[in-house]
Every structure is written in C-alpha cells, then in structure tokens.
C-alpha atoms as a PDB file:
ATOM      1  CA  MET A   1     -50.554 -22.019  62.568  1.00  0.00           C
ATOM      2  CA  ASN A   2     -54.078 -21.247  62.131  1.00  0.00           C
ATOM      3  CA  PHE A   3     -54.896 -22.097  58.683  1.00  0.00           C
ATOM      4  CA  ARG A   4     -58.685 -20.786  58.829  1.00  0.00           C
ATOM      5  CA  LYS A   5     -59.093 -19.461  55.512  1.00  0.00           C
ATOM      6  CA  PHE A   6     -59.649 -15.383  55.532  1.00  0.00           C
ATOM      7  CA  PHE A   7     -59.728 -15.198  51.725  1.00  0.00           C
ATOM      8  CA  LEU A   8     -60.835 -17.732  48.876  1.00  0.00           C
ATOM      9  CA  GLY A   9     -60.546 -16.999  45.205  1.00  0.00           C
ATOM     10  CA  LYS A  10     -62.758 -17.771  42.380  1.00  0.00           C
ATOM     11  CA  ARG A  11     -60.074 -20.689  42.184  1.00  0.00           C
ATOM     12  CA  LYS A  12     -60.437 -21.405  46.433  1.00  0.00           C
ATOM     13  CA  ARG A  13     -57.035 -20.484  46.574  1.00  0.00           C
ATOM     14  CA  ALA A  14     -56.237 -19.304  50.502  1.00  0.00           C
ATOM     15  CA  THR A  15     -54.276 -16.077  50.371  1.00  0.00           C
ATOM     16  CA  LYS A  16     -53.884 -15.039  53.450  1.00  0.00           C
ATOM     17  CA  MET A  17     -53.195 -16.971  56.649  1.00  0.00           C
ATOM     18  CA  ILE A  18     -52.812 -16.347  60.500  1.00  0.00           C
ATOM     19  CA  PRO A  19     -49.396 -17.215  61.511  1.00  0.00           C
ATOM     20  CA  GLN A  20     -48.573 -17.939  65.524  1.00  0.00           C
ATOM     21  CA  ALA A  21     -46.297 -14.861  66.045  1.00  0.00           C
ATOM     22  CA  PRO A  22     -43.339 -15.860  68.227  1.00  0.00           C
ATOM     23  CA  ALA A  23     -42.171 -14.367  71.232  1.00  0.00           C
ATOM     24  CA  PRO A  24     -38.680 -12.283  71.066  1.00  0.00           C
ATOM     25  CA  ASP A  25     -35.485 -13.535  72.064  1.00  0.00           C
ATOM     26  CA  PRO A  26     -34.044 -10.954  74.299  1.00  0.00           C
ATOM     27  CA  ASN A  27     -31.162 -10.475  72.499  1.00  0.00           C
ATOM     28  CA  ARG A  28     -32.853 -10.284  68.632  1.00  0.00           C
ATOM     29  CA  GLY A  29     -32.011  -8.015  66.279  1.00  0.00           C
ATOM     30  CA  GLY A  30     -30.894  -7.510  62.619  1.00  0.00           C
ATOM     31  CA  ILE A  31     -32.839  -8.798  59.215  1.00  0.00           C
ATOM     32  CA  ALA A  32     -33.617 -11.704  58.043  1.00  0.00           C
ATOM     33  CA  ILE A  33     -34.915 -12.262  54.397  1.00  0.00           C
ATOM     34  CA  VAL A  34     -37.354 -15.069  53.207  1.00  0.00           C
ATOM     35  CA  ALA A  35     -37.483 -16.367  49.694  1.00  0.00           C
ATOM     36  CA  ILE A  36     -38.990 -18.974  47.510  1.00  0.00           C
ATOM     37  CA  MET A  37     -36.734 -19.986  44.782  1.00  0.00           C
ATOM     38  CA  LYS A  38     -36.477 -22.131  42.065  1.00  0.00           C
ATOM     39  CA  ASN A  39     -33.936 -22.830  39.211  1.00  0.00           C
ATOM     40  CA  GLU A  40     -32.102 -19.517  40.318  1.00  0.00           C
ATOM     41  CA  ALA A  41     -28.436 -20.966  39.644  1.00  0.00           C
ATOM     42  CA  SER A  42     -27.512 -17.536  37.407  1.00  0.00           C
ATOM     43  CA  HIS A  43     -28.630 -15.366  40.340  1.00  0.00           C
ATOM     44  CA  ILE A  44     -28.551 -17.056  43.509  1.00  0.00           C
ATOM     45  CA  GLU A  45     -24.636 -15.810  44.405  1.00  0.00           C
ATOM     46  CA  ASP A  46     -24.987 -12.053  43.236  1.00  0.00           C
ATOM     47  CA  TRP A  47     -28.429 -11.740  45.304  1.00  0.00           C
ATOM     48  CA  LEU A  48     -26.855 -13.263  48.487  1.00  0.00           C
ATOM     49  CA  ARG A  49     -24.225 -11.131  48.113  1.00  0.00           C
ATOM     50  CA  PHE A  50     -25.788  -8.232  47.530  1.00  0.00           C
ATOM     51  CA  HIS A  51     -27.894  -8.261  50.389  1.00  0.00           C
ATOM     52  CA  SER A  52     -24.952  -9.498  52.684  1.00  0.00           C
ATOM     53  CA  LEU A  53     -23.031  -6.556  51.702  1.00  0.00           C
ATOM     54  CA  ALA A  54     -26.274  -4.572  52.625  1.00  0.00           C
ATOM     55  CA  GLY A  55     -26.008  -5.952  56.003  1.00  0.00           C
ATOM     56  CA  VAL A  56     -28.191  -9.011  55.723  1.00  0.00           C
ATOM     57  CA  LYS A  57     -27.162 -11.751  58.352  1.00  0.00           C
ATOM     58  CA  ALA A  58     -29.443 -14.782  57.773  1.00  0.00           C
ATOM     59  CA  PHE A  59     -31.664 -15.955  54.790  1.00  0.00           C
ATOM     60  CA  PHE A  60     -34.336 -18.405  54.703  1.00  0.00           C
ATOM     61  CA  LEU A  61     -34.711 -20.230  51.280  1.00  0.00           C
ATOM     62  CA  TYR A  62     -37.930 -21.958  50.623  1.00  0.00           C
ATOM     63  CA  ASP A  63     -36.839 -24.478  47.460  1.00  0.00           C
ATOM     64  CA  ASP A  64     -39.294 -25.191  45.653  1.00  0.00           C
ATOM     65  CA  GLY A  65     -38.094 -28.430  43.590  1.00  0.00           C
ATOM     66  CA  SER A  66     -35.107 -27.314  41.734  1.00  0.00           C
ATOM     67  CA  THR A  67     -33.063 -29.184  39.216  1.00  0.00           C
ATOM     68  CA  ASP A  68     -29.845 -26.972  38.853  1.00  0.00           C
ATOM     69  CA  ARG A  69     -27.015 -25.869  41.110  1.00  0.00           C
ATOM     70  CA  THR A  70     -29.283 -23.427  42.926  1.00  0.00           C
ATOM     71  CA  VAL A  71     -29.524 -25.143  46.043  1.00  0.00           C
ATOM     72  CA  GLU A  72     -25.935 -26.391  45.736  1.00  0.00           C
ATOM     73  CA  LEU A  73     -24.672 -22.408  45.468  1.00  0.00           C
ATOM     74  CA  ALA A  74     -26.485 -21.307  48.060  1.00  0.00           C
ATOM     75  CA  LYS A  75     -25.280 -23.450  50.584  1.00  0.00           C
ATOM     76  CA  ALA A  76     -21.837 -22.697  49.384  1.00  0.00           C
ATOM     77  CA  PHE A  77     -22.245 -19.361  49.933  1.00  0.00           C
ATOM     78  CA  GLY A  78     -20.431 -18.125  52.951  1.00  0.00           C
ATOM     79  CA  GLY A  79     -21.028 -14.705  53.831  1.00  0.00           C
ATOM     80  CA  ALA A  80     -24.102 -15.171  55.738  1.00  0.00           C
ATOM     81  CA  ARG A  81     -26.167 -17.583  57.691  1.00  0.00           C
ATOM     82  CA  VAL A  82     -27.985 -19.662  54.711  1.00  0.00           C
ATOM     83  CA  SER A  83     -30.810 -22.172  55.567  1.00  0.00           C
ATOM     84  CA  ILE A  84     -32.244 -24.272  52.217  1.00  0.00           C
ATOM     85  CA  LEU A  85     -35.606 -25.551  53.191  1.00  0.00           C
ATOM     86  CA  PRO A  86     -37.371 -28.282  50.858  1.00  0.00           C
ATOM     87  CA  TRP A  87     -40.722 -26.556  49.561  1.00  0.00           C
ATOM     88  CA  THR A  88     -42.328 -28.708  46.947  1.00  0.00           C
ATOM     89  CA  LEU A  89     -45.977 -28.928  48.254  1.00  0.00           C
ATOM     90  CA  ARG A  90     -48.863 -28.981  46.196  1.00  0.00           C
ATOM     91  CA  THR A  91     -51.157 -30.696  49.492  1.00  0.00           C
ATOM     92  CA  ARG A  92     -55.255 -29.709  48.863  1.00  0.00           C
ATOM     93  CA  PHE A  93     -58.066 -29.833  51.212  1.00  0.00           C
ATOM     94  CA  LYS A  94     -60.425 -32.491  50.016  1.00  0.00           C
ATOM     95  CA  SER A  95     -63.749 -31.158  51.185  1.00  0.00           C
ATOM     96  CA  PRO A  96     -63.889 -27.961  50.909  1.00  0.00           C
ATOM     97  CA  ASP A  97     -61.748 -28.322  47.894  1.00  0.00           C
ATOM     98  CA  VAL A  98     -58.930 -25.586  48.593  1.00  0.00           C
ATOM     99  CA  SER A  99     -55.450 -25.127  47.847  1.00  0.00           C
ATOM    100  CA  PHE A 100     -53.225 -23.021  50.079  1.00  0.00           C
ATOM    101  CA  ASP A 101     -50.751 -20.575  48.549  1.00  0.00           C
ATOM    102  CA  ARG A 102     -47.284 -22.036  48.958  1.00  0.00           C
ATOM    103  CA  GLN A 103     -45.741 -18.776  49.394  1.00  0.00           C
ATOM    104  CA  VAL A 104     -47.473 -17.455  52.264  1.00  0.00           C
ATOM    105  CA  LEU A 105     -47.043 -20.573  53.827  1.00  0.00           C
ATOM    106  CA  ALA A 106     -43.746 -20.482  53.689  1.00  0.00           C
ATOM    107  CA  TYR A 107     -43.807 -17.009  55.359  1.00  0.00           C
ATOM    108  CA  CYS A 108     -45.633 -17.946  57.911  1.00  0.00           C
ATOM    109  CA  HIS A 109     -43.295 -20.865  58.670  1.00  0.00           C
ATOM    110  CA  ALA A 110     -40.337 -18.739  58.647  1.00  0.00           C
ATOM    111  CA  ILE A 111     -42.105 -16.444  61.179  1.00  0.00           C
ATOM    112  CA  GLU A 112     -43.338 -18.877  63.747  1.00  0.00           C
ATOM    113  CA  ASN A 113     -40.098 -21.006  63.357  1.00  0.00           C
ATOM    114  CA  PHE A 114     -37.020 -18.348  62.850  1.00  0.00           C
ATOM    115  CA  GLY A 115     -38.727 -15.029  63.541  1.00  0.00           C
ATOM    116  CA  SER A 116     -38.128 -14.578  67.325  1.00  0.00           C
ATOM    117  CA  ALA A 117     -34.502 -13.692  66.632  1.00  0.00           C
ATOM    118  CA  PHE A 118     -34.766 -10.936  64.701  1.00  0.00           C
ATOM    119  CA  LYS A 119     -36.428  -7.118  64.767  1.00  0.00           C
ATOM    120  CA  TRP A 120     -36.767  -7.359  60.893  1.00  0.00           C
ATOM    121  CA  MET A 121     -37.858 -10.042  58.307  1.00  0.00           C
ATOM    122  CA  ALA A 122     -38.051  -9.352  54.542  1.00  0.00           C
ATOM    123  CA  PHE A 123     -40.278 -11.151  52.283  1.00  0.00           C
ATOM    124  CA  ILE A 124     -39.179 -10.272  48.922  1.00  0.00           C
ATOM    125  CA  ASP A 125     -37.721 -12.717  45.409  1.00  0.00           C
ATOM    126  CA  ILE A 126     -34.584 -13.415  43.866  1.00  0.00           C
ATOM    127  CA  ASP A 127     -35.514 -11.070  41.207  1.00  0.00           C
ATOM    128  CA  GLU A 128     -36.080  -8.281  43.711  1.00  0.00           C
ATOM    129  CA  TYR A 129     -33.296  -6.213  45.675  1.00  0.00           C
ATOM    130  CA  LEU A 130     -33.856  -4.331  48.762  1.00  0.00           C
ATOM    131  CA  VAL A 131     -31.062  -1.117  47.860  1.00  0.00           C
ATOM    132  CA  PRO A 132     -30.424   1.279  50.752  1.00  0.00           C
ATOM    133  CA  LEU A 133     -30.651   4.915  49.200  1.00  0.00           C
ATOM    134  CA  ARG A 134     -28.644   6.875  51.634  1.00  0.00           C
ATOM    135  CA  ASP A 135     -27.506   5.056  54.332  1.00  0.00           C
ATOM    136  CA  ASN A 136     -24.841   1.995  53.982  1.00  0.00           C
ATOM    137  CA  SER A 137     -26.577  -0.663  55.469  1.00  0.00           C
ATOM    138  CA  LEU A 138     -30.367  -1.437  55.529  1.00  0.00           C
ATOM    139  CA  ILE A 139     -30.231  -1.836  59.066  1.00  0.00           C
ATOM    140  CA  ASP A 140     -29.327   2.079  58.982  1.00  0.00           C
ATOM    141  CA  ALA A 141     -32.075   2.587  56.970  1.00  0.00           C
ATOM    142  CA  LEU A 142     -34.662   1.142  58.991  1.00  0.00           C
ATOM    143  CA  ASN A 143     -33.209   2.198  62.534  1.00  0.00           C
ATOM    144  CA  GLY A 144     -35.067   5.718  60.983  1.00  0.00           C
ATOM    145  CA  LEU A 145     -38.295   3.972  61.057  1.00  0.00           C
ATOM    146  CA  ASN A 146     -40.801   3.338  64.654  1.00  0.00           C
ATOM    147  CA  ASP A 147     -43.019   1.213  62.836  1.00  0.00           C
ATOM    148  CA  GLY A 148     -43.282  -2.773  62.610  1.00  0.00           C
ATOM    149  CA  ASN A 149     -44.632  -2.918  58.898  1.00  0.00           C
ATOM    150  CA  ILE A 150     -43.455  -1.360  56.088  1.00  0.00           C
ATOM    151  CA  SER A 151     -44.555  -1.434  52.235  1.00  0.00           C
ATOM    152  CA  LEU A 152     -41.804  -1.047  49.855  1.00  0.00           C
ATOM    153  CA  PRO A 153     -43.677  -0.292  46.421  1.00  0.00           C
ATOM    154  CA  TRP A 154     -41.971  -1.983  43.227  1.00  0.00           C
ATOM    155  CA  THR A 155     -39.257  -0.158  41.215  1.00  0.00           C
ATOM    156  CA  MET A 156     -39.613  -2.158  37.465  1.00  0.00           C
ATOM    157  CA  PHE A 157     -36.502  -2.435  35.812  1.00  0.00           C
ATOM    158  CA  GLY A 158     -36.768  -4.247  32.154  1.00  0.00           C
ATOM    159  CA  PRO A 159     -34.183  -6.084  29.861  1.00  0.00           C
ATOM    160  CA  SER A 160     -31.984  -2.848  29.295  1.00  0.00           C
ATOM    161  CA  GLY A 161     -31.125  -3.379  26.007  1.00  0.00           C
ATOM    162  CA  HIS A 162     -29.857  -7.137  26.641  1.00  0.00           C
ATOM    163  CA  GLU A 163     -31.347 -10.106  24.592  1.00  0.00           C
ATOM    164  CA  ASN A 164     -29.099 -12.716  26.289  1.00  0.00           C
ATOM    165  CA  PRO A 165     -28.159 -13.264  29.764  1.00  0.00           C
ATOM    166  CA  PRO A 166     -25.297 -10.571  29.993  1.00  0.00           C
ATOM    167  CA  ALA A 167     -21.659 -11.142  31.817  1.00  0.00           C
ATOM    168  CA  LEU A 168     -22.802  -9.116  34.355  1.00  0.00           C
ATOM    169  CA  SER A 169     -24.360  -8.996  37.402  1.00  0.00           C
ATOM    170  CA  SER A 170     -27.899  -7.593  38.046  1.00  0.00           C
ATOM    171  CA  PRO A 171     -27.020  -4.188  39.837  1.00  0.00           C
ATOM    172  CA  TYR A 172     -24.374  -3.201  36.949  1.00  0.00           C
ATOM    173  CA  ALA A 173     -26.547  -5.289  33.969  1.00  0.00           C
ATOM    174  CA  TYR A 174     -29.919  -3.304  34.404  1.00  0.00           C
ATOM    175  CA  THR A 175     -30.040   0.328  34.534  1.00  0.00           C
ATOM    176  CA  PHE A 176     -33.338   1.321  32.722  1.00  0.00           C
ATOM    177  CA  ARG A 177     -36.524   1.316  34.373  1.00  0.00           C
ATOM    178  CA  ALA A 178     -39.878   2.463  34.125  1.00  0.00           C
ATOM    179  CA  ARG A 179     -40.209   6.275  35.013  1.00  0.00           C
ATOM    180  CA  HIS A 180     -43.462   5.624  36.984  1.00  0.00           C
ATOM    181  CA  ARG A 181     -44.538   3.295  40.110  1.00  0.00           C
ATOM    182  CA  ARG A 182     -48.646   2.889  39.009  1.00  0.00           C
ATOM    183  CA  GLY A 183     -51.004   0.722  37.389  1.00  0.00           C
ATOM    184  CA  PRO A 184     -50.348  -2.436  36.499  1.00  0.00           C
ATOM    185  CA  LEU A 185     -46.247  -2.019  37.352  1.00  0.00           C
ATOM    186  CA  LEU A 186     -47.058  -1.031  41.091  1.00  0.00           C
ATOM    187  CA  ASN A 187     -47.519  -3.569  44.082  1.00  0.00           C
ATOM    188  CA  PHE A 188     -45.718  -3.766  47.411  1.00  0.00           C
ATOM    189  CA  LYS A 189     -43.201  -6.229  49.087  1.00  0.00           C
ATOM    190  CA  CYS A 190     -42.905  -6.228  52.990  1.00  0.00           C
ATOM    191  CA  ILE A 191     -40.478  -5.977  55.466  1.00  0.00           C
ATOM    192  CA  VAL A 192     -41.964  -6.778  59.144  1.00  0.00           C
ATOM    193  CA  ASP A 193     -41.159  -7.060  62.620  1.00  0.00           C
ATOM    194  CA  PRO A 194     -42.038 -10.658  62.963  1.00  0.00           C
ATOM    195  CA  CYS A 195     -43.114 -10.960  66.558  1.00  0.00           C
ATOM    196  CA  ASP A 196     -45.459  -8.684  65.492  1.00  0.00           C
ATOM    197  CA  VAL A 197     -47.424 -10.382  62.835  1.00  0.00           C
ATOM    198  CA  THR A 198     -50.835 -11.272  63.121  1.00  0.00           C
ATOM    199  CA  GLU A 199     -52.095 -12.103  59.491  1.00  0.00           C
ATOM    200  CA  ALA A 200     -49.948 -12.551  56.325  1.00  0.00           C
ATOM    201  CA  HIS A 201     -49.955 -12.323  52.592  1.00  0.00           C
ATOM    202  CA  VAL A 202     -47.414 -12.044  49.268  1.00  0.00           C
ATOM    203  CA  HIS A 203     -47.954  -8.282  49.506  1.00  0.00           C
ATOM    204  CA  ARG A 204     -49.111  -6.939  52.941  1.00  0.00           C
ATOM    205  CA  PHE A 205     -48.964  -8.180  56.406  1.00  0.00           C
ATOM    206  CA  LYS A 206     -51.079  -6.875  59.260  1.00  0.00           C
ATOM    207  CA  THR A 207     -49.362  -7.005  62.803  1.00  0.00           C
ATOM    208  CA  ARG A 208     -50.770  -6.384  66.511  1.00  0.00           C
ATOM    209  CA  SER A 209     -49.554  -2.937  66.912  1.00  0.00           C
ATOM    210  CA  MET A 210     -50.131  -1.382  63.609  1.00  0.00           C
ATOM    211  CA  GLY A 211     -53.452  -3.550  62.542  1.00  0.00           C
ATOM    212  CA  ASN A 212     -54.356  -3.353  58.742  1.00  0.00           C
ATOM    213  CA  VAL A 213     -51.822   0.122  58.460  1.00  0.00           C
ATOM    214  CA  SER A 214     -48.510  -0.297  57.034  1.00  0.00           C
ATOM    215  CA  SER A 215     -45.745   2.490  56.857  1.00  0.00           C
ATOM    216  CA  ASN A 216     -43.794   3.491  53.695  1.00  0.00           C
ATOM    217  CA  ASP A 217     -39.815   4.105  53.760  1.00  0.00           C
ATOM    218  CA  VAL A 218     -40.058   7.555  55.428  1.00  0.00           C
ATOM    219  CA  GLY A 219     -42.916   6.823  58.412  1.00  0.00           C
ATOM    220  CA  PHE A 220     -46.066   8.067  56.454  1.00  0.00           C
ATOM    221  CA  ARG A 221     -48.665   5.273  57.420  1.00  0.00           C
ATOM    222  CA  ALA A 222     -51.720   4.377  55.363  1.00  0.00           C
ATOM    223  CA  ASP A 223     -54.444   1.334  55.442  1.00  0.00           C
ATOM    224  CA  ASN A 224     -53.261  -1.254  53.035  1.00  0.00           C
ATOM    225  CA  LYS A 225     -55.815  -0.736  50.794  1.00  0.00           C
ATOM    226  CA  LEU A 226     -54.982   2.469  50.087  1.00  0.00           C
ATOM    227  CA  ARG A 227     -51.006   2.117  49.501  1.00  0.00           C
ATOM    228  CA  PHE A 228     -51.745   2.528  45.872  1.00  0.00           C
ATOM    229  CA  SER A 229     -51.939   6.131  46.577  1.00  0.00           C
ATOM    230  CA  HIS A 230     -48.994   8.933  45.413  1.00  0.00           C
ATOM    231  CA  THR A 231     -49.163  10.014  48.761  1.00  0.00           C
ATOM    232  CA  PHE A 232     -48.193   6.679  49.963  1.00  0.00           C
ATOM    233  CA  VAL A 233     -45.660   5.490  47.653  1.00  0.00           C
ATOM    234  CA  SER A 234     -42.590   6.111  47.967  1.00  0.00           C
ATOM    235  CA  ALA A 235     -38.980   5.226  47.919  1.00  0.00           C
ATOM    236  CA  GLU A 236     -36.848   7.628  49.364  1.00  0.00           C
ATOM    237  CA  CYS A 237     -34.797   5.770  51.633  1.00  0.00           C
ATOM    238  CA  ILE A 238     -35.203   1.892  50.718  1.00  0.00           C
ATOM    239  CA  GLN A 239     -35.743   1.241  46.890  1.00  0.00           C
ATOM    240  CA  LEU A 240     -37.076  -2.264  46.189  1.00  0.00           C
ATOM    241  CA  ASN A 241     -35.244  -2.981  42.726  1.00  0.00           C
ATOM    242  CA  HIS A 242     -37.488  -5.240  40.817  1.00  0.00           C
ATOM    243  CA  TYR A 243     -35.241  -6.962  37.882  1.00  0.00           C
ATOM    244  CA  TYR A 244     -38.887  -8.333  36.276  1.00  0.00           C
ATOM    245  CA  THR A 245     -37.470  -9.472  32.755  1.00  0.00           C
ATOM    246  CA  ARG A 246     -33.891  -9.630  32.711  1.00  0.00           C
ATOM    247  CA  SER A 247     -32.722 -10.187  29.714  1.00  0.00           C
ATOM    248  CA  LYS A 248     -35.263 -10.983  26.918  1.00  0.00           C
ATOM    249  CA  HIS A 249     -34.041 -14.713  26.815  1.00  0.00           C
ATOM    250  CA  GLU A 250     -34.962 -14.790  30.384  1.00  0.00           C
ATOM    251  CA  LEU A 251     -38.235 -13.145  29.789  1.00  0.00           C
ATOM    252  CA  TYR A 252     -39.371 -16.052  27.451  1.00  0.00           C
ATOM    253  CA  GLU A 253     -38.356 -18.450  30.389  1.00  0.00           C
ATOM    254  CA  LYS A 254     -40.368 -16.631  33.046  1.00  0.00           C
ATOM    255  CA  ILE A 255     -43.282 -16.816  30.480  1.00  0.00           C
ATOM    256  CA  GLU A 256     -42.894 -20.683  30.132  1.00  0.00           C
ATOM    257  CA  LYS A 257     -42.357 -21.242  33.855  1.00  0.00           C
ATOM    258  CA  GLY A 258     -44.628 -23.183  35.957  1.00  0.00           C
ATOM    259  CA  ASP A 259     -47.197 -25.485  34.589  1.00  0.00           C
ATOM    260  CA  PRO A 260     -50.808 -23.571  34.401  1.00  0.00           C
ATOM    261  CA  PRO A 261     -53.323 -24.877  32.373  1.00  0.00           C
ATOM    262  CA  ASP A 262     -52.993 -23.531  28.697  1.00  0.00           C
ATOM    263  CA  SER A 263     -55.563 -20.808  29.343  1.00  0.00           C
ATOM    264  CA  ASP A 264     -53.875 -19.343  32.385  1.00  0.00           C
ATOM    265  CA  LYS A 265     -50.481 -19.430  30.478  1.00  0.00           C
ATOM    266  CA  LEU A 266     -51.749 -17.291  27.987  1.00  0.00           C
ATOM    267  CA  ARG A 267     -52.897 -15.121  30.167  1.00  0.00           C
ATOM    268  CA  ARG A 268     -49.931 -14.921  31.971  1.00  0.00           C
ATOM    269  CA  ARG A 269     -47.733 -14.412  29.171  1.00  0.00           C
ATOM    270  CA  ASP A 270     -50.059 -11.204  28.328  1.00  0.00           C
ATOM    271  CA  LYS A 271     -49.709  -9.847  31.725  1.00  0.00           C
ATOM    272  CA  ILE A 272     -45.996 -10.331  31.502  1.00  0.00           C
ATOM    273  CA  LEU A 273     -45.830  -8.488  28.072  1.00  0.00           C
ATOM    274  CA  GLU A 274     -48.309  -5.799  29.311  1.00  0.00           C
ATOM    275  CA  LYS A 275     -45.642  -4.832  31.662  1.00  0.00           C
ATOM    276  CA  LEU A 276     -42.907  -5.029  29.824  1.00  0.00           C
ATOM    277  CA  SER A 277     -44.539  -2.597  27.116  1.00  0.00           C
ATOM    278  CA  LEU A 278     -45.234  -0.273  30.223  1.00  0.00           C
ATOM    279  CA  ILE A 279     -41.586  -0.230  31.220  1.00  0.00           C
ATOM    280  CA  GLU A 280     -40.333   0.423  27.775  1.00  0.00           C
ATOM    281  CA  ASP A 281     -42.370   2.800  26.955  1.00  0.00           C
ATOM    282  CA  ASP A 282     -41.090   5.503  29.638  1.00  0.00           C
ATOM    283  CA  GLN A 283     -37.692   4.738  30.922  1.00  0.00           C
ATOM    284  CA  VAL A 284     -35.172   6.708  32.657  1.00  0.00           C
ATOM    285  CA  VAL A 285     -31.627   5.623  33.932  1.00  0.00           C
ATOM    286  CA  ASP A 286     -31.188   4.092  37.300  1.00  0.00           C
ATOM    287  CA  THR A 287     -27.908   3.406  38.744  1.00  0.00           C
ATOM    288  CA  SER A 288     -29.307   3.081  42.442  1.00  0.00           C
ATOM    289  CA  ALA A 289     -27.854  -0.506  42.852  1.00  0.00           C
ATOM    290  CA  GLY A 290     -24.459   0.251  41.486  1.00  0.00           C
ATOM    291  CA  ASP A 291     -24.326   3.499  43.813  1.00  0.00           C
ATOM    292  CA  PHE A 292     -24.899   1.640  47.125  1.00  0.00           C
ATOM    293  CA  LEU A 293     -22.214  -0.573  45.980  1.00  0.00           C
ATOM    294  CA  ARG A 294     -19.936   2.136  45.421  1.00  0.00           C
ATOM    295  CA  ARG A 295     -20.779   3.756  48.522  1.00  0.00           C
ATOM    296  CA  ILE A 296     -19.434   1.092  50.501  1.00  0.00           C
ATOM    297  CA  GLY A 297     -16.297   0.642  48.152  1.00  0.00           C
ATOM    298  CA  VAL A 298     -17.048  -1.841  45.565  1.00  0.00           C
ATOM    299  CA  PHE A 299     -16.715   0.039  42.607  1.00  0.00           C
ATOM    300  CA  THR A 300     -16.702  -2.686  39.586  1.00  0.00           C
ATOM    301  CA  ASN A 301     -18.595  -5.796  38.689  1.00  0.00           C
ATOM    302  CA  ALA A 302     -15.237  -7.521  38.876  1.00  0.00           C
ATOM    303  CA  GLU A 303     -15.091  -6.347  42.269  1.00  0.00           C
ATOM    304  CA  PHE A 304     -18.353  -7.328  43.517  1.00  0.00           C
ATOM    305  CA  CYS A 305     -18.132 -10.879  41.816  1.00  0.00           C
ATOM    306  CA  SER A 306     -15.105 -11.387  43.923  1.00  0.00           C
ATOM    307  CA  THR A 307     -15.937  -9.948  47.048  1.00  0.00           C
ATOM    308  CA  VAL A 308     -15.118 -12.159  50.392  1.00  0.00           C
ATOM    309  CA  LEU A 309     -17.431 -11.523  53.073  1.00  0.00           C
END
C-alpha cells in the first residue's frame, strides 16, 4: 500500500489513501461488505441477517476493540462468510506528526487482500442498511449499472418515537426518516469494483475507469465534488438507510462513544443533536426495509429473527 498522503487536515490526519488494487480472479462475482465495528452486540446479527437475505455472501468486519459479545455473535453467524479482523490501531508517524484514518486503512486492507474475489465491495457502517427498492437482491439492482463506482446518499432515520431500545429489529422499529437528503443530513457511502480502485476515502472513491467520477443508483454520473447536487442525489433502486440515532437511549450512548478531547466531544454532541433536530422537524414514513423483506417472503419481525440462512 502506498501511504502517500493526499490530504492532511488541520489535525494532520491522512484521510485519503492509495491501495494497490488487486488483479481480478477469473471467476470473481457477487458483493461483499466491509465495515468497522465496536460494541455492536445489540445489532450485529440483524445487520448480517438483513444483508445476507439481500444477497451479500461475504462480510469483512474490522473490530475496533469490542468488549461485548459483538465478535462472538458475528463469528457464530451462519448465513454467509464472516471474517473478523482485529483493528485496534492508534499508530502515528512521529515526523511528520501524522495519524491515519483507521477506517480508510481498513478499506484499503480489504481491497488489497480480499477484493480480487468480488465484483462489488460496499463500504458501510453497522447502522447503515443497503435496501433494494425494486429488486429481490442487491446483485439484481447492481446488474443494471455498468459503472464500478456507485455513490449512495444517506437516508436518515431518527428514533421513531423510541426512548429505549425496542424489542424489534431496525427494519421494523425505525420507520420515520427525514423527508429531504440535503445539508448536514447528506453524505454518501459507496459500492465499488475493488479491482478498479485507485484512491479510497470514507465517503468517496476514485477508480481507474472513471477517475474522480461516480455514478448514482440509476446510472447518472457526476464528479465526486458535484454529487451533492439534487440532480445526482438518488434513491430509486438502492436506498442506504442510515439508522442514525436508533432509540434516544442509544443516541446518548452515541454522543459519549469514543475518547475525543472534551472540546471535540462537545462539537460532536452538537453536530449529532443538530442532525436529530433536522430529522425530526420534517419526517415521513418509510417502510422500505420491511417492504423488501416482505417482497422476499419475510413478513414479520419474528419471521425475520428466526430466519435460517
């Protein structure tokens, strides 16, 4: 991996990296998901189950020091190939004083070591669900696209009235979302051809075939810097459900998560609460995740939780 720093923020943090894209295997195909996780025991099984039902055959989960049952539950999941990689990493360069974004490092590691076997790799978080809106699988939805760099906008869900964690899986518990995808509520996660990547970032990629251009879920292309235009933002075939806060109780845990300095924690709290306010100020009902499950024959939360893959 070439660690040449394309961008250093004010705190000297390298957030763009250049992986060495692998040569594609002759029989590669399907989609894998790459994610960093930490203490997600309450959600990891549902997240794995949903995406397995959507056609994902492999998960590469980079564990950032979980202290609950997250790793145990992920290892026990039988519906797909699940690879757990320890990813507690705080290493910095001494001179110059530079830290690397651990999430982007994980993405590059996955691309270089596992990407050759797959046509697609999705880079999302455990609170994000890839929902096919028309088709019965993600592969069917992706087969209509000829591009190897897909950008999906956040669709931001709030607590949906839950003060405490409900006894329901996220697709059934959280059905109220922000009406609009814009401003602080808009960013992207990507599905890419791992053998075509030339630069990685948490929210955008460059590829050999498309350069700094990405496609939305209906094939409209734009430069990465222009994706925030209303002409590009699309959720017609695949929707990225971002269960941003889950319950109010989990929201407060989200605010306290991590170990930033006090001033950074205050800024983080304010940003999270701002997003929550924007979500709840103008909400609409969205049952897309449950609709997908019903379309493939899973009609209730109980059926979903008992599905054997």
